[in-house]
Amino acid sequence: MISLVPLELSLIDRYLGALSPRVADLLHISCLEQEKQYIMPYCEKNLMWPFFVILESAEGNAIGGIQIRSPEISVGQLYCWINEQYWGKGHFRAALIQACRTFFTHNSEESLITAHVEVTNERSYYALKKVSFCDKGIRLGSYGPEYELVLLKKFFMDTVG
C-alpha cells in the first residue's frame, strides 16, 4: 500500500513535487523553493530523522511526508501531510502507524507523541483519533486554535502497534 523512505537529498524534489497547492496552503508553505532551502541543510547533515517520504507502493510515487520530532525540538512532535489525491484511501493511517511504530521502537525511552492540528483540519484530526491519539483539548497555536493530541506508547502498542 505505502512505504516510508527516509528523506535525503536525492528525494527532495520528488517530495516537494507531491506537495499540491492545496496542501501547501494547509501547511502554510507559500514558496516551494523556500521550503527546499529550509530542508536541504537538514538533509545534508542527516538531522531530519525520522523524516520520511511517503511512497505509494504500487507506482512508487511520492504522496506525502511524515516526521516525528524530538520533544526538545517541537511541542507538537508530529508533522505529516498527504497529497489530496490520496485522501480517503487509508494511506495516511498506514503512514501514521508505521511512523509511530518506528519512533517507539527506536526511542524506547519515549512514552508519547504529541500532535497539534488546526481545528479547521477535521480530516487530520479524525485520522489521528483512528490511530489512538487522545484529544487533550484546544490550544492557541501559531495559526489559530488547534487540537492538542497525544499518543501514549503503551496504548498504541497494545491496540495498534
C-alpha atoms as a PDB file:
ATOM      1  CA  MET A   1       0.000   0.000   0.000  1.00  0.00           C
ATOM      2  CA  ILE A   2       2.624   2.572   1.120  1.00  0.00           C
ATOM      3  CA  SER A   3       6.234   2.616   2.197  1.00  0.00           C
ATOM      4  CA  LEU A   4       8.226   5.135   4.194  1.00  0.00           C
ATOM      5  CA  VAL A   5      11.644   6.136   2.875  1.00  0.00           C
ATOM      6  CA  PRO A   6      13.960   8.446   4.837  1.00  0.00           C
ATOM      7  CA  LEU A   7      14.141  11.889   3.257  1.00  0.00           C
ATOM      8  CA  GLU A   8      17.538  12.500   1.718  1.00  0.00           C
ATOM      9  CA  LEU A   9      18.888  14.984  -0.815  1.00  0.00           C
ATOM     10  CA  SER A  10      18.062  12.765  -3.786  1.00  0.00           C
ATOM     11  CA  LEU A  11      14.374  12.674  -2.769  1.00  0.00           C
ATOM     12  CA  ILE A  12      13.759  16.362  -2.024  1.00  0.00           C
ATOM     13  CA  ASP A  13      12.406  17.210  -5.492  1.00  0.00           C
ATOM     14  CA  ARG A  14      10.092  14.151  -5.514  1.00  0.00           C
ATOM     15  CA  TYR A  15       8.916  15.042  -2.013  1.00  0.00           C
ATOM     16  CA  LEU A  16       8.201  18.677  -2.891  1.00  0.00           C
ATOM     17  CA  GLY A  17       6.622  17.622  -6.195  1.00  0.00           C
ATOM     18  CA  ALA A  18       3.922  15.784  -4.254  1.00  0.00           C
ATOM     19  CA  LEU A  19       3.062  18.956  -2.343  1.00  0.00           C
ATOM     20  CA  SER A  20      -0.050  20.282  -4.103  1.00  0.00           C
ATOM     21  CA  PRO A  21      -1.054  23.944  -3.834  1.00  0.00           C
ATOM     22  CA  ARG A  22      -3.993  22.964  -1.614  1.00  0.00           C
ATOM     23  CA  VAL A  23      -1.826  21.029   0.848  1.00  0.00           C
ATOM     24  CA  ALA A  24       0.916  23.682   0.749  1.00  0.00           C
ATOM     25  CA  ASP A  25      -1.729  26.215   1.755  1.00  0.00           C
ATOM     26  CA  LEU A  26      -2.903  23.982   4.618  1.00  0.00           C
ATOM     27  CA  LEU A  27       0.724  23.731   5.787  1.00  0.00           C
ATOM     28  CA  HIS A  28       1.286  27.484   5.396  1.00  0.00           C
ATOM     29  CA  ILE A  29       4.022  26.926   2.801  1.00  0.00           C
ATOM     30  CA  SER A  30       3.988  29.860   0.400  1.00  0.00           C
ATOM     31  CA  CYS A  31       7.056  29.062  -1.701  1.00  0.00           C
ATOM     32  CA  LEU A  32       8.379  25.605  -2.606  1.00  0.00           C
ATOM     33  CA  GLU A  33      11.856  26.978  -3.289  1.00  0.00           C
ATOM     34  CA  GLN A  34      11.994  28.434   0.239  1.00  0.00           C
ATOM     35  CA  GLU A  35      10.823  25.093   1.623  1.00  0.00           C
ATOM     36  CA  LYS A  36      13.579  23.350  -0.344  1.00  0.00           C
ATOM     37  CA  GLN A  37      16.200  25.765   1.000  1.00  0.00           C
ATOM     38  CA  TYR A  38      14.880  25.137   4.519  1.00  0.00           C
ATOM     39  CA  ILE A  39      15.019  21.322   4.174  1.00  0.00           C
ATOM     40  CA  MET A  40      18.351  20.897   2.348  1.00  0.00           C
ATOM     41  CA  PRO A  41      20.737  21.713   5.241  1.00  0.00           C
ATOM     42  CA  TYR A  42      18.897  19.263   7.500  1.00  0.00           C
ATOM     43  CA  CYS A  43      19.225  16.520   4.888  1.00  0.00           C
ATOM     44  CA  GLU A  44      22.883  17.300   4.277  1.00  0.00           C
ATOM     45  CA  LYS A  45      23.635  16.955   7.992  1.00  0.00           C
ATOM     46  CA  ASN A  46      21.265  13.986   8.431  1.00  0.00           C
ATOM     47  CA  LEU A  47      19.235  15.891  11.043  1.00  0.00           C
ATOM     48  CA  MET A  48      15.824  15.014   9.601  1.00  0.00           C
ATOM     49  CA  TRP A  49      15.464  11.518  11.066  1.00  0.00           C
ATOM     50  CA  PRO A  50      12.904  10.312  11.422  1.00  0.00           C
ATOM     51  CA  PHE A  51      11.539  12.266   8.449  1.00  0.00           C
ATOM     52  CA  PHE A  52      10.049  10.034   5.809  1.00  0.00           C
ATOM     53  CA  VAL A  53       8.724  10.494   2.327  1.00  0.00           C
ATOM     54  CA  ILE A  54       5.507   8.510   1.947  1.00  0.00           C
ATOM     55  CA  LEU A  55       5.644   6.480  -1.273  1.00  0.00           C
ATOM     56  CA  GLU A  56       2.707   4.717  -2.847  1.00  0.00           C
ATOM     57  CA  SER A  57       3.935   1.160  -3.228  1.00  0.00           C
ATOM     58  CA  ALA A  58       2.101   0.407  -6.485  1.00  0.00           C
ATOM     59  CA  GLU A  59       3.645   3.222  -8.539  1.00  0.00           C
ATOM     60  CA  GLY A  60       6.424   4.440  -6.260  1.00  0.00           C
ATOM     61  CA  ASN A  61       5.030   7.972  -6.386  1.00  0.00           C
ATOM     62  CA  ALA A  62       5.828  10.347  -3.543  1.00  0.00           C
ATOM     63  CA  ILE A  63       2.462  11.158  -1.969  1.00  0.00           C
ATOM     64  CA  GLY A  64       3.371  12.871   1.309  1.00  0.00           C
ATOM     65  CA  GLY A  65       5.700  13.227   4.232  1.00  0.00           C
ATOM     66  CA  ILE A  66       5.793  12.390   7.914  1.00  0.00           C
ATOM     67  CA  GLN A  67       8.162  13.283  10.730  1.00  0.00           C
ATOM     68  CA  ILE A  68       8.122  12.722  14.470  1.00  0.00           C
ATOM     69  CA  ARG A  69      10.410  15.295  16.025  1.00  0.00           C
ATOM     70  CA  SER A  70      12.089  15.108  19.388  1.00  0.00           C
ATOM     71  CA  PRO A  71      10.058  16.785  22.162  1.00  0.00           C
ATOM     72  CA  GLU A  72      13.081  19.023  22.819  1.00  0.00           C
ATOM     73  CA  ILE A  73      12.736  20.438  19.285  1.00  0.00           C
ATOM     74  CA  SER A  74       8.987  20.861  18.960  1.00  0.00           C
ATOM     75  CA  VAL A  75       5.986  20.936  21.296  1.00  0.00           C
ATOM     76  CA  GLY A  76       3.882  19.306  18.573  1.00  0.00           C
ATOM     77  CA  GLN A  77       6.151  16.458  17.542  1.00  0.00           C
ATOM     78  CA  LEU A  78       4.153  15.059  14.643  1.00  0.00           C
ATOM     79  CA  TYR A  79       4.399  16.684  11.223  1.00  0.00           C
ATOM     80  CA  CYS A  80       2.575  14.907   8.427  1.00  0.00           C
ATOM     81  CA  TRP A  81       0.705  15.505   5.212  1.00  0.00           C
ATOM     82  CA  ILE A  82      -0.551  13.624   2.205  1.00  0.00           C
ATOM     83  CA  ASN A  83      -1.494  14.850  -1.269  1.00  0.00           C
ATOM     84  CA  GLU A  84      -5.280  15.207  -1.513  1.00  0.00           C
ATOM     85  CA  GLN A  85      -5.407  12.782  -4.479  1.00  0.00           C
ATOM     86  CA  TYR A  86      -4.700  10.056  -1.919  1.00  0.00           C
ATOM     87  CA  TRP A  87      -7.092  11.160   0.821  1.00  0.00           C
ATOM     88  CA  GLY A  88      -9.634   8.572   1.924  1.00  0.00           C
ATOM     89  CA  LYS A  89      -7.622   5.560   0.713  1.00  0.00           C
ATOM     90  CA  GLY A  90      -6.028   4.533   4.023  1.00  0.00           C
ATOM     91  CA  HIS A  91      -2.531   5.724   3.064  1.00  0.00           C
ATOM     92  CA  PHE A  92      -2.393   8.400   5.766  1.00  0.00           C
ATOM     93  CA  ARG A  93      -3.424   5.956   8.511  1.00  0.00           C
ATOM     94  CA  ALA A  94      -0.893   3.382   7.289  1.00  0.00           C
ATOM     95  CA  ALA A  95       1.887   6.009   7.305  1.00  0.00           C
ATOM     96  CA  LEU A  96       0.928   7.138  10.816  1.00  0.00           C
ATOM     97  CA  ILE A  97       1.027   3.583  12.139  1.00  0.00           C
ATOM     98  CA  GLN A  98       4.391   2.804  10.504  1.00  0.00           C
ATOM     99  CA  ALA A  99       5.994   6.061  11.664  1.00  0.00           C
ATOM    100  CA  CYS A 100       4.706   5.760  15.244  1.00  0.00           C
ATOM    101  CA  ARG A 101       5.824   2.128  15.463  1.00  0.00           C
ATOM    102  CA  THR A 102       9.282   3.090  14.143  1.00  0.00           C
ATOM    103  CA  PHE A 103       9.554   6.022  16.550  1.00  0.00           C
ATOM    104  CA  PHE A 104       8.586   3.995  19.628  1.00  0.00           C
ATOM    105  CA  THR A 105      10.818   1.073  18.616  1.00  0.00           C
ATOM    106  CA  HIS A 106      13.914   3.246  18.071  1.00  0.00           C
ATOM    107  CA  ASN A 107      13.254   5.585  21.004  1.00  0.00           C
ATOM    108  CA  SER A 108      12.486   3.164  23.797  1.00  0.00           C
ATOM    109  CA  GLU A 109      12.687   5.897  26.456  1.00  0.00           C
ATOM    110  CA  GLU A 110       9.927   7.938  24.770  1.00  0.00           C
ATOM    111  CA  SER A 111       6.457   7.212  26.121  1.00  0.00           C
ATOM    112  CA  LEU A 112       4.323   9.521  23.985  1.00  0.00           C
ATOM    113  CA  ILE A 113       3.974  11.512  20.781  1.00  0.00           C
ATOM    114  CA  THR A 114       2.208  14.865  20.649  1.00  0.00           C
ATOM    115  CA  ALA A 115       0.366  16.383  17.696  1.00  0.00           C
ATOM    116  CA  HIS A 116      -1.263  19.751  17.064  1.00  0.00           C
ATOM    117  CA  VAL A 117      -3.928  20.039  14.382  1.00  0.00           C
ATOM    118  CA  GLU A 118      -5.701  23.234  13.364  1.00  0.00           C
ATOM    119  CA  VAL A 119      -9.396  22.982  14.290  1.00  0.00           C
ATOM    120  CA  THR A 120     -10.316  23.577  10.639  1.00  0.00           C
ATOM    121  CA  ASN A 121      -8.434  20.392   9.628  1.00  0.00           C
ATOM    122  CA  GLU A 122     -11.038  17.817  10.624  1.00  0.00           C
ATOM    123  CA  ARG A 123      -9.700  15.096   8.286  1.00  0.00           C
ATOM    124  CA  SER A 124      -6.320  15.016  10.042  1.00  0.00           C
ATOM    125  CA  TYR A 125      -7.944  15.244  13.463  1.00  0.00           C
ATOM    126  CA  TYR A 126     -10.114  12.176  12.837  1.00  0.00           C
ATOM    127  CA  ALA A 127      -7.263  10.262  11.178  1.00  0.00           C
ATOM    128  CA  LEU A 128      -5.147  10.749  14.316  1.00  0.00           C
ATOM    129  CA  LYS A 129      -8.042   9.659  16.526  1.00  0.00           C
ATOM    130  CA  LYS A 130      -8.358   6.429  14.474  1.00  0.00           C
ATOM    131  CA  VAL A 131      -4.717   5.652  15.300  1.00  0.00           C
ATOM    132  CA  SER A 132      -5.432   6.061  19.049  1.00  0.00           C
ATOM    133  CA  PHE A 133      -4.358   9.671  19.575  1.00  0.00           C
ATOM    134  CA  CYS A 134      -6.313  11.139  22.517  1.00  0.00           C
ATOM    135  CA  ASP A 135      -7.729  14.657  22.435  1.00  0.00           C
ATOM    136  CA  LYS A 136      -6.376  16.872  25.220  1.00  0.00           C
ATOM    137  CA  GLY A 137      -8.376  19.952  24.243  1.00  0.00           C
ATOM    138  CA  ILE A 138      -7.909  23.071  22.159  1.00  0.00           C
ATOM    139  CA  ARG A 139      -4.980  25.462  22.488  1.00  0.00           C
ATOM    140  CA  LEU A 140      -3.962  28.624  20.682  1.00  0.00           C
ATOM    141  CA  GLY A 141      -1.315  27.773  18.101  1.00  0.00           C
ATOM    142  CA  SER A 142       0.784  29.782  15.668  1.00  0.00           C
ATOM    143  CA  TYR A 143      -2.048  29.967  13.128  1.00  0.00           C
ATOM    144  CA  GLY A 144      -5.049  29.999  15.476  1.00  0.00           C
ATOM    145  CA  PRO A 145      -6.951  27.410  17.535  1.00  0.00           C
ATOM    146  CA  GLU A 146      -5.665  23.858  17.279  1.00  0.00           C
ATOM    147  CA  TYR A 147      -6.396  20.488  18.796  1.00  0.00           C
ATOM    148  CA  GLU A 148      -3.727  19.132  21.101  1.00  0.00           C
ATOM    149  CA  LEU A 149      -3.491  15.362  20.846  1.00  0.00           C
ATOM    150  CA  VAL A 150      -1.284  12.755  22.475  1.00  0.00           C
ATOM    151  CA  LEU A 151      -0.468   9.146  21.650  1.00  0.00           C
ATOM    152  CA  LEU A 152       0.727   7.044  24.569  1.00  0.00           C
ATOM    153  CA  LYS A 153       3.259   4.373  23.659  1.00  0.00           C
ATOM    154  CA  LYS A 154       1.699   1.667  25.813  1.00  0.00           C
ATOM    155  CA  PHE A 155      -1.796   2.304  24.491  1.00  0.00           C
ATOM    156  CA  PHE A 156      -0.583   2.408  20.876  1.00  0.00           C
ATOM    157  CA  MET A 157       1.469  -0.790  21.173  1.00  0.00           C
ATOM    158  CA  ASP A 158      -1.393  -2.614  22.913  1.00  0.00           C
ATOM    159  CA  THR A 159      -4.095  -1.537  20.465  1.00  0.00           C
ATOM    160  CA  VAL A 160      -2.496  -0.748  17.088  1.00  0.00           C
ATOM    161  CA  GLY A 161       1.238  -1.448  17.149  1.00  0.00           C
END
